[in-house]
Structures are given as structure tokens and as C-alpha cells.
């Protein structure tokens, strides 16, 4: 679970990213989950774009993708999601958790 400080840090990093996953009318499929999982393994932090043709609510898409990929949701902004999952060999160093939030 990400703290507020960590989410702010990730949002700053994610600002310049381009979406690597597009969710359209095919919605959430096993192939989309695998593609998202692979992208998270490589990049750690990815943007997901929910297209107008998707019938699902953006928050529903976020919830299903984070559960299926064991990732954390850093942001939902419009139809864009920012997902984070620490890689086996981390490239990003998150701010430390406060003792109060543990």
C-alpha cells in the first residue's frame, strides 16, 4: 500500500509518461492482464488509458487491473490510470514510509 507521499512522488514521475496499455471495448481480458503484468515488470510505473469505447467505469478498470496484477494505483486522472509495482530489481526508489503510517 502506497502512502500519500509515495503517490505524489509517482505522479510526478508519471507526468511525462505515455500510455503503454489501452483499454477499449474488449475491456479486461486475460491478454490485457498479461500485457499489463509484463509492462509493470519492465517499467515498474506505467500509464493505462481507458478509451471512450470501453463500457466499464474507469475506477472499475483500475480496481480489476490492480487486483489482477498485484499492483498499486497511484492516480486516476480523467481516463488515465497510473499503476506501480515494485520490480524484482527496482529502478525507482520511493520515499520511505513514515513510522506513523505503518
PDB file of N, CA and C in Angstrom:
ATOM      1  N   UNK A   1       0.838  -1.178   0.000  1.00  0.00           N
ATOM      2  CA  UNK A   1       0.000   0.000   0.000  1.00  0.00           C
ATOM      3  C   UNK A   1       0.887   1.247   0.000  1.00  0.00           C
ATOM      4  N   UNK A   2       0.601   2.149  -0.913  1.00  0.00           N
ATOM      5  CA  UNK A   2       1.390   3.366  -1.042  1.00  0.00           C
ATOM      6  C   UNK A   2       0.899   4.453  -0.092  1.00  0.00           C
ATOM      7  N   UNK A   3       1.836   5.226   0.430  1.00  0.00           N
ATOM      8  CA  UNK A   3       1.472   6.373   1.260  1.00  0.00           C
ATOM      9  C   UNK A   3       1.174   7.560   0.341  1.00  0.00           C
ATOM     10  N   UNK A   4       0.613   8.615   0.898  1.00  0.00           N
ATOM     11  CA  UNK A   4       0.323   9.815   0.124  1.00  0.00           C
ATOM     12  C   UNK A   4       1.580  10.425  -0.477  1.00  0.00           C
ATOM     13  N   UNK A   5       2.656  10.426   0.304  1.00  0.00           N
ATOM     14  CA  UNK A   5       3.928  10.981  -0.156  1.00  0.00           C
ATOM     15  C   UNK A   5       4.467  10.171  -1.344  1.00  0.00           C
ATOM     16  N   UNK A   6       4.362   8.860  -1.268  1.00  0.00           N
ATOM     17  CA  UNK A   6       4.825   7.996  -2.354  1.00  0.00           C
ATOM     18  C   UNK A   6       3.974   8.192  -3.606  1.00  0.00           C
ATOM     19  N   UNK A   7       2.663   8.332  -3.431  1.00  0.00           N
ATOM     20  CA  UNK A   7       1.775   8.567  -4.574  1.00  0.00           C
ATOM     21  C   UNK A   7       2.114   9.893  -5.257  1.00  0.00           C
ATOM     22  N   UNK A   8       2.362  10.923  -4.475  1.00  0.00           N
ATOM     23  CA  UNK A   8       2.741  12.221  -5.050  1.00  0.00           C
ATOM     24  C   UNK A   8       4.035  12.099  -5.845  1.00  0.00           C
ATOM     25  N   UNK A   9       4.995  11.372  -5.300  1.00  0.00           N
ATOM     26  CA  UNK A   9       6.273  11.160  -5.980  1.00  0.00           C
ATOM     27  C   UNK A   9       6.051  10.433  -7.315  1.00  0.00           C
ATOM     28  N   UNK A  10       5.242   9.377  -7.300  1.00  0.00           N
ATOM     29  CA  UNK A  10       4.970   8.610  -8.518  1.00  0.00           C
ATOM     30  C   UNK A  10       4.196   9.432  -9.545  1.00  0.00           C
ATOM     31  N   UNK A  11       3.260  10.254  -9.079  1.00  0.00           N
ATOM     32  CA  UNK A  11       2.513  11.119 -10.002  1.00  0.00           C
ATOM     33  C   UNK A  11       3.461  12.082 -10.712  1.00  0.00           C
ATOM     34  N   UNK A  12       4.438  12.588  -9.992  1.00  0.00           N
ATOM     35  CA  UNK A  12       5.439  13.465 -10.599  1.00  0.00           C
ATOM     36  C   UNK A  12       6.241  12.750 -11.669  1.00  0.00           C
ATOM     37  N   UNK A  13       6.637  11.527 -11.383  1.00  0.00           N
ATOM     38  CA  UNK A  13       7.387  10.740 -12.370  1.00  0.00           C
ATOM     39  C   UNK A  13       6.512  10.349 -13.561  1.00  0.00           C
ATOM     40  N   UNK A  14       5.248  10.070 -13.289  1.00  0.00           N
ATOM     41  CA  UNK A  14       4.349   9.591 -14.335  1.00  0.00           C
ATOM     42  C   UNK A  14       3.845  10.670 -15.264  1.00  0.00           C
ATOM     43  N   UNK A  15       4.034  11.926 -14.884  1.00  0.00           N
ATOM     44  CA  UNK A  15       3.506  13.028 -15.687  1.00  0.00           C
ATOM     45  C   UNK A  15       3.979  12.976 -17.138  1.00  0.00           C
ATOM     46  N   UNK A  16       5.239  12.664 -17.361  1.00  0.00           N
ATOM     47  CA  UNK A  16       5.805  12.680 -18.718  1.00  0.00           C
ATOM     48  C   UNK A  16       5.659  11.352 -19.460  1.00  0.00           C
ATOM     49  N   UNK A  17       5.120  10.330 -18.798  1.00  0.00           N
ATOM     50  CA  UNK A  17       4.982   9.023 -19.441  1.00  0.00           C
ATOM     51  C   UNK A  17       3.864   9.011 -20.471  1.00  0.00           C
ATOM     52  N   UNK A  18       4.017   8.185 -21.477  1.00  0.00           N
ATOM     53  CA  UNK A  18       2.964   7.931 -22.469  1.00  0.00           C
ATOM     54  C   UNK A  18       2.260   6.642 -22.070  1.00  0.00           C
ATOM     55  N   UNK A  19       0.956   6.532 -22.369  1.00  0.00           N
ATOM     56  CA  UNK A  19       0.245   5.291 -22.044  1.00  0.00           C
ATOM     57  C   UNK A  19       0.828   4.092 -22.803  1.00  0.00           C
ATOM     58  N   UNK A  20       1.071   2.999 -22.097  1.00  0.00           N
ATOM     59  CA  UNK A  20       1.577   1.789 -22.735  1.00  0.00           C
ATOM     60  C   UNK A  20       0.479   0.738 -22.873  1.00  0.00           C
ATOM     61  N   UNK A  21      -0.613   0.903 -22.150  1.00  0.00           N
ATOM     62  CA  UNK A  21      -1.742  -0.024 -22.203  1.00  0.00           C
ATOM     63  C   UNK A  21      -2.997   0.776 -22.537  1.00  0.00           C
ATOM     64  N   UNK A  22      -3.780   0.260 -23.496  1.00  0.00           N
ATOM     65  CA  UNK A  22      -5.044   0.877 -23.870  1.00  0.00           C
ATOM     66  C   UNK A  22      -6.171  -0.101 -23.593  1.00  0.00           C
ATOM     67  N   UNK A  23      -7.192   0.353 -22.872  1.00  0.00           N
ATOM     68  CA  UNK A  23      -8.349  -0.489 -22.569  1.00  0.00           C
ATOM     69  C   UNK A  23      -9.510   0.025 -23.411  1.00  0.00           C
ATOM     70  N   UNK A  24      -9.968  -0.823 -24.348  1.00  0.00           N
ATOM     71  CA  UNK A  24     -11.050  -0.432 -25.249  1.00  0.00           C
ATOM     72  C   UNK A  24     -12.284  -1.269 -25.029  1.00  0.00           C
ATOM     73  N   UNK A  25     -13.012  -1.512 -26.113  1.00  0.00           N
ATOM     74  CA  UNK A  25     -14.270  -2.246 -25.975  1.00  0.00           C
ATOM     75  C   UNK A  25     -14.058  -3.712 -25.645  1.00  0.00           C
ATOM     76  N   UNK A  26     -12.829  -4.216 -25.812  1.00  0.00           N
ATOM     77  CA  UNK A  26     -12.519  -5.575 -25.394  1.00  0.00           C
ATOM     78  C   UNK A  26     -12.480  -5.693 -23.878  1.00  0.00           C
ATOM     79  N   UNK A  27     -12.392  -4.526 -23.218  1.00  0.00           N
ATOM     80  CA  UNK A  27     -12.347  -4.411 -21.765  1.00  0.00           C
ATOM     81  C   UNK A  27     -11.216  -5.224 -21.148  1.00  0.00           C
ATOM     82  N   UNK A  28     -11.422  -5.806 -19.967  1.00  0.00           N
ATOM     83  CA  UNK A  28     -10.360  -6.517 -19.254  1.00  0.00           C
ATOM     84  C   UNK A  28     -10.378  -7.992 -19.662  1.00  0.00           C
ATOM     85  N   UNK A  29      -9.355  -8.412 -20.380  1.00  0.00           N
ATOM     86  CA  UNK A  29      -9.235  -9.808 -20.797  1.00  0.00           C
ATOM     87  C   UNK A  29      -7.951 -10.386 -20.207  1.00  0.00           C
ATOM     88  N   UNK A  30      -7.786 -11.700 -20.335  1.00  0.00           N
ATOM     89  CA  UNK A  30      -6.558 -12.334 -19.835  1.00  0.00           C
ATOM     90  C   UNK A  30      -5.337 -11.788 -20.558  1.00  0.00           C
ATOM     91  N   UNK A  31      -5.495 -11.526 -21.867  1.00  0.00           N
ATOM     92  CA  UNK A  31      -4.383 -10.999 -22.660  1.00  0.00           C
ATOM     93  C   UNK A  31      -3.990  -9.594 -22.188  1.00  0.00           C
ATOM     94  N   UNK A  32      -4.984  -8.768 -21.873  1.00  0.00           N
ATOM     95  CA  UNK A  32      -4.714  -7.414 -21.390  1.00  0.00           C
ATOM     96  C   UNK A  32      -4.030  -7.457 -20.027  1.00  0.00           C
ATOM     97  N   UNK A  33      -4.470  -8.358 -19.173  1.00  0.00           N
ATOM     98  CA  UNK A  33      -3.853  -8.509 -17.853  1.00  0.00           C
ATOM     99  C   UNK A  33      -2.400  -8.951 -17.998  1.00  0.00           C
ATOM    100  N   UNK A  34      -2.146  -9.892 -18.887  1.00  0.00           N
ATOM    101  CA  UNK A  34      -0.768 -10.365 -19.115  1.00  0.00           C
ATOM    102  C   UNK A  34       0.103  -9.244 -19.660  1.00  0.00           C
ATOM    103  N   UNK A  35      -0.432  -8.487 -20.607  1.00  0.00           N
ATOM    104  CA  UNK A  35       0.311  -7.369 -21.187  1.00  0.00           C
ATOM    105  C   UNK A  35       0.636  -6.315 -20.113  1.00  0.00           C
ATOM    106  N   UNK A  36      -0.326  -6.027 -19.253  1.00  0.00           N
ATOM    107  CA  UNK A  36      -0.128  -5.067 -18.170  1.00  0.00           C
ATOM    108  C   UNK A  36       0.906  -5.594 -17.179  1.00  0.00           C
ATOM    109  N   UNK A  37       0.803  -6.865 -16.854  1.00  0.00           N
ATOM    110  CA  UNK A  37       1.747  -7.508 -15.938  1.00  0.00           C
ATOM    111  C   UNK A  37       3.170  -7.421 -16.485  1.00  0.00           C
ATOM    112  N   UNK A  38       3.330  -7.721 -17.772  1.00  0.00           N
ATOM    113  CA  UNK A  38       4.650  -7.656 -18.410  1.00  0.00           C
ATOM    114  C   UNK A  38       5.199  -6.222 -18.408  1.00  0.00           C
ATOM    115  N   UNK A  39       4.332  -5.257 -18.706  1.00  0.00           N
ATOM    116  CA  UNK A  39       4.755  -3.850 -18.731  1.00  0.00           C
ATOM    117  C   UNK A  39       5.191  -3.392 -17.344  1.00  0.00           C
ATOM    118  N   UNK A  40       4.473  -3.810 -16.317  1.00  0.00           N
ATOM    119  CA  UNK A  40       4.847  -3.454 -14.946  1.00  0.00           C
ATOM    120  C   UNK A  40       6.187  -4.082 -14.558  1.00  0.00           C
ATOM    121  N   UNK A  41       6.418  -5.299 -15.010  1.00  0.00           N
ATOM    122  CA  UNK A  41       7.679  -5.975 -14.699  1.00  0.00           C
ATOM    123  C   UNK A  41       8.856  -5.225 -15.311  1.00  0.00           C
ATOM    124  N   UNK A  42       8.666  -4.688 -16.497  1.00  0.00           N
ATOM    125  CA  UNK A  42       9.741  -3.978 -17.193  1.00  0.00           C
ATOM    126  C   UNK A  42       9.912  -2.552 -16.677  1.00  0.00           C
ATOM    127  N   UNK A  43       8.795  -1.816 -16.541  1.00  0.00           N
ATOM    128  CA  UNK A  43       8.855  -0.380 -16.272  1.00  0.00           C
ATOM    129  C   UNK A  43       8.598   0.022 -14.815  1.00  0.00           C
ATOM    130  N   UNK A  44       7.931  -0.808 -14.044  1.00  0.00           N
ATOM    131  CA  UNK A  44       7.519  -0.519 -12.655  1.00  0.00           C
ATOM    132  C   UNK A  44       6.369   0.485 -12.574  1.00  0.00           C
ATOM    133  N   UNK A  45       6.430   1.559 -13.348  1.00  0.00           N
ATOM    134  CA  UNK A  45       5.404   2.601 -13.330  1.00  0.00           C
ATOM    135  C   UNK A  45       4.878   2.773 -14.749  1.00  0.00           C
ATOM    136  N   UNK A  46       3.571   2.565 -14.942  1.00  0.00           N
ATOM    137  CA  UNK A  46       3.002   2.662 -16.284  1.00  0.00           C
ATOM    138  C   UNK A  46       1.703   3.468 -16.275  1.00  0.00           C
ATOM    139  N   UNK A  47       1.405   4.023 -17.448  1.00  0.00           N
ATOM    140  CA  UNK A  47       0.128   4.702 -17.651  1.00  0.00           C
ATOM    141  C   UNK A  47      -0.773   3.776 -18.449  1.00  0.00           C
ATOM    142  N   UNK A  48      -2.040   3.758 -18.057  1.00  0.00           N
ATOM    143  CA  UNK A  48      -3.062   2.974 -18.748  1.00  0.00           C
ATOM    144  C   UNK A  48      -4.150   3.946 -19.176  1.00  0.00           C
ATOM    145  N   UNK A  49      -4.511   3.909 -20.447  1.00  0.00           N
ATOM    146  CA  UNK A  49      -5.542   4.796 -20.974  1.00  0.00           C
ATOM    147  C   UNK A  49      -6.828   3.997 -21.177  1.00  0.00           C
ATOM    148  N   UNK A  50      -7.935   4.479 -20.599  1.00  0.00           N
ATOM    149  CA  UNK A  50      -9.244   3.858 -20.775  1.00  0.00           C
ATOM    150  C   UNK A  50      -9.933   4.625 -21.901  1.00  0.00           C
ATOM    151  N   UNK A  51     -10.121   3.966 -23.036  1.00  0.00           N
ATOM    152  CA  UNK A  51     -10.695   4.618 -24.209  1.00  0.00           C
ATOM    153  C   UNK A  51     -12.193   4.854 -24.059  1.00  0.00           C
ATOM    154  N   UNK A  52     -12.726   5.760 -24.853  1.00  0.00           N
ATOM    155  CA  UNK A  52     -14.160   6.063 -24.844  1.00  0.00           C
ATOM    156  C   UNK A  52     -14.998   4.830 -25.169  1.00  0.00           C
ATOM    157  N   UNK A  53     -14.446   3.918 -25.961  1.00  0.00           N
ATOM    158  CA  UNK A  53     -15.199   2.729 -26.386  1.00  0.00           C
ATOM    159  C   UNK A  53     -15.350   1.690 -25.275  1.00  0.00           C
ATOM    160  N   UNK A  54     -14.640   1.873 -24.165  1.00  0.00           N
ATOM    161  CA  UNK A  54     -14.739   0.946 -23.036  1.00  0.00           C
ATOM    162  C   UNK A  54     -16.031   1.212 -22.274  1.00  0.00           C
ATOM    163  N   UNK A  55     -16.804   0.163 -22.052  1.00  0.00           N
ATOM    164  CA  UNK A  55     -18.092   0.298 -21.373  1.00  0.00           C
ATOM    165  C   UNK A  55     -17.949   0.321 -19.849  1.00  0.00           C
ATOM    166  N   UNK A  56     -16.808  -0.097 -19.344  1.00  0.00           N
ATOM    167  CA  UNK A  56     -16.577  -0.145 -17.903  1.00  0.00           C
ATOM    168  C   UNK A  56     -16.234   1.247 -17.369  1.00  0.00           C
ATOM    169  N   UNK A  57     -16.533   1.477 -16.108  1.00  0.00           N
ATOM    170  CA  UNK A  57     -16.154   2.705 -15.427  1.00  0.00           C
ATOM    171  C   UNK A  57     -14.644   2.684 -15.197  1.00  0.00           C
ATOM    172  N   UNK A  58     -14.015   3.820 -15.273  1.00  0.00           N
ATOM    173  CA  UNK A  58     -12.547   3.900 -15.124  1.00  0.00           C
ATOM    174  C   UNK A  58     -12.076   3.390 -13.767  1.00  0.00           C
ATOM    175  N   UNK A  59     -12.864   3.626 -12.718  1.00  0.00           N
ATOM    176  CA  UNK A  59     -12.483   3.138 -11.387  1.00  0.00           C
ATOM    177  C   UNK A  59     -12.614   1.617 -11.299  1.00  0.00           C
ATOM    178  N   UNK A  60     -13.587   1.077 -12.018  1.00  0.00           N
ATOM    179  CA  UNK A  60     -13.760  -0.380 -12.079  1.00  0.00           C
ATOM    180  C   UNK A  60     -12.578  -1.016 -12.806  1.00  0.00           C
ATOM    181  N   UNK A  61     -12.145  -0.390 -13.901  1.00  0.00           N
ATOM    182  CA  UNK A  61     -10.976  -0.868 -14.651  1.00  0.00           C
ATOM    183  C   UNK A  61      -9.748  -0.841 -13.744  1.00  0.00           C
ATOM    184  N   UNK A  62      -9.560   0.257 -13.021  1.00  0.00           N
ATOM    185  CA  UNK A  62      -8.407   0.402 -12.117  1.00  0.00           C
ATOM    186  C   UNK A  62      -8.406  -0.692 -11.058  1.00  0.00           C
ATOM    187  N   UNK A  63      -9.573  -0.926 -10.461  1.00  0.00           N
ATOM    188  CA  UNK A  63      -9.679  -1.936  -9.406  1.00  0.00           C
ATOM    189  C   UNK A  63      -9.343  -3.332  -9.937  1.00  0.00           C
ATOM    190  N   UNK A  64      -9.906  -3.683 -11.083  1.00  0.00           N
ATOM    191  CA  UNK A  64      -9.663  -5.015 -11.644  1.00  0.00           C
ATOM    192  C   UNK A  64      -8.211  -5.204 -12.060  1.00  0.00           C
ATOM    193  N   UNK A  65      -7.620  -4.171 -12.682  1.00  0.00           N
ATOM    194  CA  UNK A  65      -6.222  -4.298 -13.106  1.00  0.00           C
ATOM    195  C   UNK A  65      -5.265  -4.372 -11.927  1.00  0.00           C
ATOM    196  N   UNK A  66      -5.499  -3.575 -10.894  1.00  0.00           N
ATOM    197  CA  UNK A  66      -4.597  -3.619  -9.736  1.00  0.00           C
ATOM    198  C   UNK A  66      -4.694  -4.956  -9.012  1.00  0.00           C
ATOM    199  N   UNK A  67      -5.895  -5.500  -8.903  1.00  0.00           N
ATOM    200  CA  UNK A  67      -6.055  -6.818  -8.258  1.00  0.00           C
ATOM    201  C   UNK A  67      -5.385  -7.905  -9.078  1.00  0.00           C
ATOM    202  N   UNK A  68      -5.621  -7.894 -10.394  1.00  0.00           N
ATOM    203  CA  UNK A  68      -5.105  -8.953 -11.260  1.00  0.00           C
ATOM    204  C   UNK A  68      -3.580  -8.915 -11.383  1.00  0.00           C
ATOM    205  N   UNK A  69      -2.989  -7.726 -11.302  1.00  0.00           N
ATOM    206  CA  UNK A  69      -1.539  -7.604 -11.482  1.00  0.00           C
ATOM    207  C   UNK A  69      -0.787  -7.402 -10.167  1.00  0.00           C
ATOM    208  N   UNK A  70      -1.512  -7.387  -9.039  1.00  0.00           N
ATOM    209  CA  UNK A  70      -0.917  -7.158  -7.722  1.00  0.00           C
ATOM    210  C   UNK A  70      -0.110  -5.867  -7.712  1.00  0.00           C
ATOM    211  N   UNK A  71      -0.705  -4.815  -8.259  1.00  0.00           N
ATOM    212  CA  UNK A  71      -0.039  -3.518  -8.320  1.00  0.00           C
ATOM    213  C   UNK A  71      -0.794  -2.503  -7.467  1.00  0.00           C
ATOM    214  N   UNK A  72      -0.231  -1.322  -7.361  1.00  0.00           N
ATOM    215  CA  UNK A  72      -0.848  -0.232  -6.604  1.00  0.00           C
ATOM    216  C   UNK A  72      -1.288   0.858  -7.563  1.00  0.00           C
ATOM    217  N   UNK A  73      -2.404   1.464  -7.259  1.00  0.00           N
ATOM    218  CA  UNK A  73      -2.923   2.572  -8.052  1.00  0.00           C
ATOM    219  C   UNK A  73      -2.367   3.867  -7.482  1.00  0.00           C
ATOM    220  N   UNK A  74      -1.609   4.585  -8.307  1.00  0.00           N
ATOM    221  CA  UNK A  74      -1.030   5.850  -7.860  1.00  0.00           C
ATOM    222  C   UNK A  74      -1.940   7.023  -8.202  1.00  0.00           C
ATOM    223  N   UNK A  75      -2.728   6.885  -9.292  1.00  0.00           N
ATOM    224  CA  UNK A  75      -3.566   8.005  -9.707  1.00  0.00           C
ATOM    225  C   UNK A  75      -4.621   7.572 -10.716  1.00  0.00           C
ATOM    226  N   UNK A  76      -5.779   8.212 -10.630  1.00  0.00           N
ATOM    227  CA  UNK A  76      -6.799   8.157 -11.672  1.00  0.00           C
ATOM    228  C   UNK A  76      -7.047   9.607 -12.047  1.00  0.00           C
ATOM    229  N   UNK A  77      -6.720   9.966 -13.264  1.00  0.00           N
ATOM    230  CA  UNK A  77      -6.900  11.335 -13.733  1.00  0.00           C
ATOM    231  C   UNK A  77      -7.619  11.273 -15.070  1.00  0.00           C
ATOM    232  N   UNK A  78      -8.882  11.662 -15.071  1.00  0.00           N
ATOM    233  CA  UNK A  78      -9.680  11.540 -16.286  1.00  0.00           C
ATOM    234  C   UNK A  78      -9.815  10.073 -16.642  1.00  0.00           C
ATOM    235  N   UNK A  79      -9.413   9.717 -17.838  1.00  0.00           N
ATOM    236  CA  UNK A  79      -9.472   8.327 -18.281  1.00  0.00           C
ATOM    237  C   UNK A  79      -8.087   7.670 -18.267  1.00  0.00           C
ATOM    238  N   UNK A  80      -7.172   8.252 -17.509  1.00  0.00           N
ATOM    239  CA  UNK A  80      -5.806   7.735 -17.438  1.00  0.00           C
ATOM    240  C   UNK A  80      -5.510   7.232 -16.032  1.00  0.00           C
ATOM    241  N   UNK A  81      -4.937   6.040 -15.956  1.00  0.00           N
ATOM    242  CA  UNK A  81      -4.574   5.416 -14.692  1.00  0.00           C
ATOM    243  C   UNK A  81      -3.051   5.350 -14.606  1.00  0.00           C
ATOM    244  N   UNK A  82      -2.535   5.453 -13.406  1.00  0.00           N
ATOM    245  CA  UNK A  82      -1.107   5.306 -13.178  1.00  0.00           C
ATOM    246  C   UNK A  82      -0.922   4.147 -12.213  1.00  0.00           C
ATOM    247  N   UNK A  83      -0.279   3.075 -12.691  1.00  0.00           N
ATOM    248  CA  UNK A  83      -0.081   1.866 -11.885  1.00  0.00           C
ATOM    249  C   UNK A  83       1.390   1.694 -11.543  1.00  0.00           C
ATOM    250  N   UNK A  84       1.644   1.180 -10.342  1.00  0.00           N
ATOM    251  CA  UNK A  84       3.007   0.943  -9.874  1.00  0.00           C
ATOM    252  C   UNK A  84       3.099  -0.431  -9.229  1.00  0.00           C
ATOM    253  N   UNK A  85       4.179  -1.122  -9.540  1.00  0.00           N
ATOM    254  CA  UNK A  85       4.512  -2.365  -8.842  1.00  0.00           C
ATOM    255  C   UNK A  85       6.032  -2.475  -8.792  1.00  0.00           C
ATOM    256  N   UNK A  86       6.550  -2.689  -7.612  1.00  0.00           N
ATOM    257  CA  UNK A  86       7.990  -2.804  -7.424  1.00  0.00           C
ATOM    258  C   UNK A  86       8.497  -4.029  -8.174  1.00  0.00           C
ATOM    259  N   UNK A  87       9.549  -3.845  -8.952  1.00  0.00           N
ATOM    260  CA  UNK A  87      10.139  -4.934  -9.725  1.00  0.00           C
ATOM    261  C   UNK A  87      11.090  -5.746  -8.848  1.00  0.00           C
ATOM    262  N   UNK A  88      11.481  -6.914  -9.349  1.00  0.00           N
ATOM    263  CA  UNK A  88      12.440  -7.743  -8.619  1.00  0.00           C
ATOM    264  C   UNK A  88      13.756  -7.005  -8.459  1.00  0.00           C
ATOM    265  N   UNK A  89      14.137  -6.257  -9.503  1.00  0.00           N
ATOM    266  CA  UNK A  89      15.309  -5.393  -9.449  1.00  0.00           C
ATOM    267  C   UNK A  89      14.815  -3.960  -9.626  1.00  0.00           C
ATOM    268  N   UNK A  90      14.442  -3.292  -8.532  1.00  0.00           N
ATOM    269  CA  UNK A  90      13.814  -1.969  -8.609  1.00  0.00           C
ATOM    270  C   UNK A  90      14.672  -0.916  -9.309  1.00  0.00           C
ATOM    271  N   UNK A  91      14.007  -0.105 -10.134  1.00  0.00           N
ATOM    272  CA  UNK A  91      14.653   1.014 -10.806  1.00  0.00           C
ATOM    273  C   UNK A  91      14.295   2.317 -10.096  1.00  0.00           C
ATOM    274  N   UNK A  92      13.130   2.334  -9.472  1.00  0.00           N
ATOM    275  CA  UNK A  92      12.650   3.525  -8.774  1.00  0.00           C
ATOM    276  C   UNK A  92      12.832   3.352  -7.273  1.00  0.00           C
ATOM    277  N   UNK A  93      13.225   4.437  -6.619  1.00  0.00           N
ATOM    278  CA  UNK A  93      13.327   4.407  -5.160  1.00  0.00           C
ATOM    279  C   UNK A  93      12.266   5.341  -4.595  1.00  0.00           C
ATOM    280  N   UNK A  94      11.292   4.758  -3.922  1.00  0.00           N
ATOM    281  CA  UNK A  94      10.195   5.532  -3.338  1.00  0.00           C
ATOM    282  C   UNK A  94      10.641   6.189  -2.043  1.00  0.00           C
ATOM    283  N   UNK A  95      10.006   7.322  -1.698  1.00  0.00           N
ATOM    284  CA  UNK A  95      10.266   7.914  -0.383  1.00  0.00           C
ATOM    285  C   UNK A  95       9.916   6.908   0.712  1.00  0.00           C
ATOM    286  N   UNK A  96      10.651   6.934   1.786  1.00  0.00           N
ATOM    287  CA  UNK A  96      10.421   5.998   2.899  1.00  0.00           C
ATOM    288  C   UNK A  96       9.098   6.278   3.564  1.00  0.00           C
ATOM    289  N   UNK A  97       8.474   5.199   4.085  1.00  0.00           N
ATOM    290  CA  UNK A  97       7.223   5.335   4.831  1.00  0.00           C
ATOM    291  C   UNK A  97       7.512   5.949   6.188  1.00  0.00           C
ATOM    292  N   UNK A  98       6.613   6.817   6.638  1.00  0.00           N
ATOM    293  CA  UNK A  98       6.742   7.394   7.974  1.00  0.00           C
ATOM    294  C   UNK A  98       6.410   6.320   9.000  1.00  0.00           C
ATOM    295  N   UNK A  99       6.973   6.457  10.181  1.00  0.00           N
ATOM    296  CA  UNK A  99       6.665   5.487  11.245  1.00  0.00           C
ATOM    297  C   UNK A  99       5.213   5.586  11.658  1.00  0.00           C
ATOM    298  N   UNK A 100       4.611   6.773  11.515  1.00  0.00           N
ATOM    299  CA  UNK A 100       3.203   6.960  11.862  1.00  0.00           C
ATOM    300  C   UNK A 100       2.274   6.158  10.954  1.00  0.00           C
ATOM    301  N   UNK A 101       2.624   6.039   9.659  1.00  0.00           N
ATOM    302  CA  UNK A 101       1.730   5.388   8.702  1.00  0.00           C
ATOM    303  C   UNK A 101       1.889   3.873   8.680  1.00  0.00           C
ATOM    304  N   UNK A 102       2.796   3.315   9.461  1.00  0.00           N
ATOM    305  CA  UNK A 102       2.992   1.860   9.441  1.00  0.00           C
ATOM    306  C   UNK A 102       2.075   1.159  10.387  1.00  0.00           C
TER     307      UNK A 102
END
